[in-house]
Protein backbone atom coordinates (compact mmCIF):
# COMPACT_ATOMS: atom_id res chain seq x y z
CA MET A 1 0.00 0.03 0.02
CA GLU A 2 1.28 3.40 -1.04
CA ILE A 3 1.81 5.95 1.71
CA LYS A 4 1.07 9.45 0.54
CA THR A 5 3.57 11.96 1.72
CA GLU A 6 2.68 15.73 1.98
CA GLN A 7 4.78 16.31 -1.08
CA SER A 8 2.91 13.77 -3.21
CA THR A 9 -0.46 15.17 -2.11
CA GLU A 10 0.45 18.58 -2.91
CA LYS A 11 1.70 17.36 -6.35
CA ASN A 12 -1.52 15.48 -6.92
CA ILE A 13 -3.52 18.42 -5.96
CA LEU A 14 -1.76 20.61 -8.48
CA GLU A 15 -1.96 18.03 -11.32
CA VAL A 16 -5.64 17.37 -10.78
CA ALA A 17 -6.30 21.30 -10.53
CA GLU A 18 -4.49 21.91 -13.72
CA ARG A 19 -6.45 19.30 -15.57
CA LEU A 20 -9.80 20.59 -14.31
CA PHE A 21 -8.90 24.21 -15.01
CA LEU A 22 -7.92 23.36 -18.63
CA GLU A 23 -11.07 21.15 -19.09
CA ARG A 24 -13.66 23.43 -17.36
CA GLY A 25 -12.12 26.85 -16.86
CA PHE A 26 -11.44 28.56 -13.61
CA ALA A 27 -14.91 29.71 -12.82
CA MET A 28 -16.43 26.33 -13.55
CA THR A 29 -13.90 24.44 -11.17
CA SER A 30 -14.43 24.20 -7.46
CA THR A 31 -11.98 22.98 -4.73
CA THR A 32 -14.68 20.57 -3.72
CA GLU A 33 -14.38 18.95 -7.13
CA ILE A 34 -10.54 19.02 -7.00
CA ALA A 35 -10.50 17.40 -3.77
CA LYS A 36 -12.89 14.70 -4.88
CA GLU A 37 -10.66 13.71 -7.94
CA VAL A 38 -7.58 13.83 -5.69
CA GLY A 39 -9.16 11.67 -3.12
CA CYS A 40 -8.82 13.93 -0.12
CA ASN A 41 -11.07 16.36 1.67
CA GLN A 42 -11.56 19.93 0.73
CA ALA A 43 -9.93 21.13 3.98
CA LEU A 44 -6.60 19.61 2.74
CA VAL A 45 -6.71 21.65 -0.58
CA HIS A 46 -7.23 24.69 1.54
CA TYR A 47 -4.46 23.84 3.94
CA TYR A 48 -2.00 23.61 0.98
CA PHE A 49 -3.23 26.54 -1.05
CA ARG A 50 -5.76 28.51 1.04
CA THR A 51 -7.74 29.54 -1.81
CA LYS A 52 -8.66 28.64 -5.37
CA ASP A 53 -7.06 31.80 -6.68
CA ASN A 54 -3.81 30.78 -4.88
CA LEU A 55 -3.85 27.20 -6.34
CA PHE A 56 -4.61 28.65 -9.87
CA ASN A 57 -1.74 31.16 -9.54
CA THR A 58 0.72 28.62 -8.49
CA ILE A 59 -0.09 26.59 -11.76
CA PHE A 60 -0.23 29.75 -13.80
CA GLU A 61 3.15 30.91 -12.64
CA GLN A 62 4.74 27.57 -13.04
CA LYS A 63 3.51 27.24 -16.60
CA PHE A 64 5.10 30.65 -17.55
CA LYS A 65 8.36 29.55 -15.96
CA ASP A 66 8.28 26.20 -17.80
CA PHE A 67 7.62 28.07 -21.03
CA PHE A 68 10.62 30.44 -20.86
CA GLN A 69 13.01 27.69 -19.56
CA TRP A 70 11.92 25.23 -22.35
CA VAL A 71 12.35 28.08 -25.01
CA PHE A 72 15.50 29.89 -23.94
CA GLU A 73 17.32 26.90 -22.54
CA ILE A 74 17.27 24.39 -25.38
CA LYS A 75 20.21 22.20 -25.26
CA GLY A 76 22.69 21.55 -28.10
CA THR A 77 22.22 24.85 -29.71
CA GLU A 78 25.52 26.49 -28.74
CA LYS A 79 27.19 25.85 -32.12
CA LEU A 80 24.16 26.71 -34.32
CA GLU A 81 23.95 29.80 -36.24
CA PHE A 82 21.40 32.28 -35.38
CA LEU A 83 18.76 31.29 -38.00
CA ASP A 84 19.23 27.66 -37.24
CA LYS A 85 18.83 28.29 -33.52
CA LEU A 86 15.74 30.41 -34.12
CA LYS A 87 14.11 27.61 -36.03
CA LEU A 88 14.61 25.15 -33.33
CA ILE A 89 13.29 27.79 -30.89
CA ILE A 90 10.08 28.39 -32.92
CA GLU A 91 9.54 24.64 -33.24
CA SER A 92 10.22 23.84 -29.50
CA HIS A 93 7.71 26.68 -28.57
CA PHE A 94 5.11 25.26 -30.89
CA ASP A 95 5.74 21.74 -29.53
CA LEU A 96 5.18 23.05 -25.91
CA LEU A 97 1.79 24.43 -26.99
CA MET A 98 0.94 21.27 -28.90
CA ASN A 99 1.51 19.41 -25.54
CA ASN A 100 -0.61 21.97 -23.72
CA PRO A 101 -3.18 23.06 -26.30
CA LYS A 102 -5.71 24.43 -23.96
CA MET A 103 -3.26 26.50 -21.97
CA PRO A 104 -3.36 29.57 -24.18
CA GLY A 105 -7.14 29.82 -24.00
CA LEU A 106 -7.05 29.49 -20.21
CA ILE A 107 -4.26 32.09 -20.02
CA LEU A 108 -6.21 34.61 -22.20
CA ASN A 109 -9.45 33.95 -20.15
CA GLU A 110 -7.45 34.47 -16.85
CA LEU A 111 -5.91 37.81 -18.15
CA SER A 112 -9.37 38.91 -19.02
CA ARG A 113 -10.80 37.91 -15.61
CA LYS A 114 -7.85 39.37 -13.70
CA PRO A 115 -5.83 41.93 -15.77
CA GLU A 116 -3.42 42.31 -12.77
CA GLN A 117 -2.02 39.07 -13.77
CA MET A 118 0.02 40.99 -16.40
CA LYS A 119 2.18 42.16 -13.49
CA MET A 120 2.94 38.54 -12.57
CA ILE A 121 3.76 37.93 -16.14
CA ARG A 122 6.12 40.80 -16.40
CA ASP A 123 7.81 39.77 -13.11
CA ARG A 124 8.23 36.22 -14.63
CA ILE A 125 9.76 37.56 -17.79
CA GLN A 126 12.10 39.76 -15.99
CA ALA A 127 13.10 36.95 -13.69
CA ILE A 128 14.57 35.12 -16.67
CA PRO A 129 18.42 35.30 -16.36
CA VAL A 130 19.67 38.29 -18.38
CA LYS A 131 22.16 36.11 -19.86
CA LEU A 132 19.57 34.09 -21.81
CA PHE A 133 18.32 37.20 -23.51
CA SER A 134 21.56 38.88 -23.94
CA GLU A 135 23.26 35.88 -25.64
CA LEU A 136 20.43 35.49 -28.06
CA ASN A 137 20.31 39.20 -28.76
CA GLU A 138 24.15 39.20 -29.43
CA GLU A 139 23.67 36.45 -31.86
CA LEU A 140 20.83 38.34 -33.47
CA GLN A 141 22.97 41.49 -33.82
CA THR A 142 25.82 39.47 -35.18
CA ALA A 143 23.51 38.08 -37.91
CA ILE A 144 22.28 41.54 -38.72
CA ALA A 145 25.71 42.84 -38.99
CA LEU A 146 26.71 40.09 -41.42
CA GLY A 147 23.80 40.77 -43.53
CA LYS A 148 22.01 37.48 -42.91
CA VAL A 149 19.07 39.07 -41.10
CA ARG A 150 17.21 42.45 -41.53
CA LYS A 151 17.35 44.90 -38.62
CA ILE A 152 14.72 43.86 -36.05
CA ASP A 153 14.33 44.01 -32.16
CA LEU A 154 14.56 40.71 -30.33
CA ILE A 155 11.32 41.47 -28.39
CA ASP A 156 9.48 42.11 -31.74
CA LEU A 157 10.79 38.79 -33.05
CA ILE A 158 9.71 36.85 -29.91
CA VAL A 159 6.25 38.43 -30.03
CA SER A 160 5.79 37.39 -33.67
CA MET A 161 6.70 33.93 -32.84
CA VAL A 162 4.44 33.73 -29.74
CA THR A 163 1.38 35.24 -31.45
CA MET A 164 1.64 33.09 -34.59
CA ASN A 165 2.21 29.89 -32.59
CA VAL A 166 -0.56 30.57 -30.16
CA ALA A 167 -3.16 31.56 -32.69
CA ILE A 168 -3.77 28.05 -34.09
CA PHE A 169 -4.46 26.65 -30.68
CA VAL A 170 -6.76 29.50 -29.55
CA MET A 171 -8.70 29.09 -32.90
CA MET A 172 -8.83 25.41 -33.21
CA PRO A 173 -12.15 24.80 -31.56
CA VAL A 174 -13.74 27.13 -34.11
CA VAL A 175 -11.71 25.65 -37.00
CA GLU A 176 -12.65 22.11 -35.88
CA SER A 177 -16.31 23.03 -35.90
CA ILE A 178 -16.49 24.86 -39.03
CA LEU A 179 -14.45 22.36 -41.10
CA SER A 180 -15.66 19.37 -39.39
CA LEU A 181 -12.17 18.00 -38.81
CA ASP A 182 -11.47 14.59 -37.50
CA GLU A 183 -8.49 13.74 -35.27
CA THR A 184 -6.30 12.83 -38.40
CA LYS A 185 -7.05 16.05 -40.24
CA LYS A 186 -6.64 18.07 -37.03
CA LYS A 187 -3.17 16.81 -36.55
CA LEU A 188 -2.23 17.34 -40.16
CA LEU A 189 -3.28 20.83 -39.97
CA ILE A 190 -1.52 21.53 -36.74
CA GLN A 191 1.77 20.06 -38.24
CA HIS A 192 1.15 22.12 -41.41
CA ARG A 193 0.97 25.28 -39.26
CA ARG A 194 4.15 24.40 -37.47
CA ALA A 195 6.02 24.25 -40.62
CA GLU A 196 4.44 27.38 -42.11
CA ASN A 197 5.04 29.58 -38.92
CA VAL A 198 8.79 28.54 -39.17
CA ASP A 199 8.99 29.21 -42.94
CA PHE A 200 7.00 32.66 -42.56
CA ILE A 201 9.14 34.04 -39.62
CA LEU A 202 12.49 33.00 -41.19
CA LYS A 203 11.43 34.52 -44.70
CA SER A 204 10.37 37.67 -42.88
CA LEU A 205 13.84 38.16 -41.63
CA ARG A 206 15.49 38.25 -44.89
CA PRO A 207 17.50 41.48 -45.41
């Protein structure tokens, strides 16, 4: 018989809460339902996180942290030229979204519900080691100086990548309904958009 530790119970609460938030949204998920799914009482959920908002914020913040670590700490890119590294970053970001397709919608809904969450996002972005931004920016500036890339700000480039990659996952429920896509066609469309986004962004950087 497995003995649940405090750490494993807290982890289970976070995992179940994340799944329910993604499936139903923040407003339609209660701590009572979370506790029931975990197999504990509601008081235990409140013991670890006090409120549903605190529980959601814990998940929300971790996802942003994971996102930036995933995108900017990709291993094995040290010797790649800037455009090759950028291609890998765009693909990795898209894959992260593909593994968490409901997360963009949940984040947008949450920002609409609580605009003050933008401050948390800014704090999370600013908490990324400056080295990660500075190294990538240095490589961008070198590529610009060599005439391989048109002049562009790194932030503008990142915004373009994020918005293009996120768009397909935010729009997918509507696209599925209008086009009556089955699972196979849906996967083909997503893979097509992955390749198209990479191609579009790289071509947009031509000098």
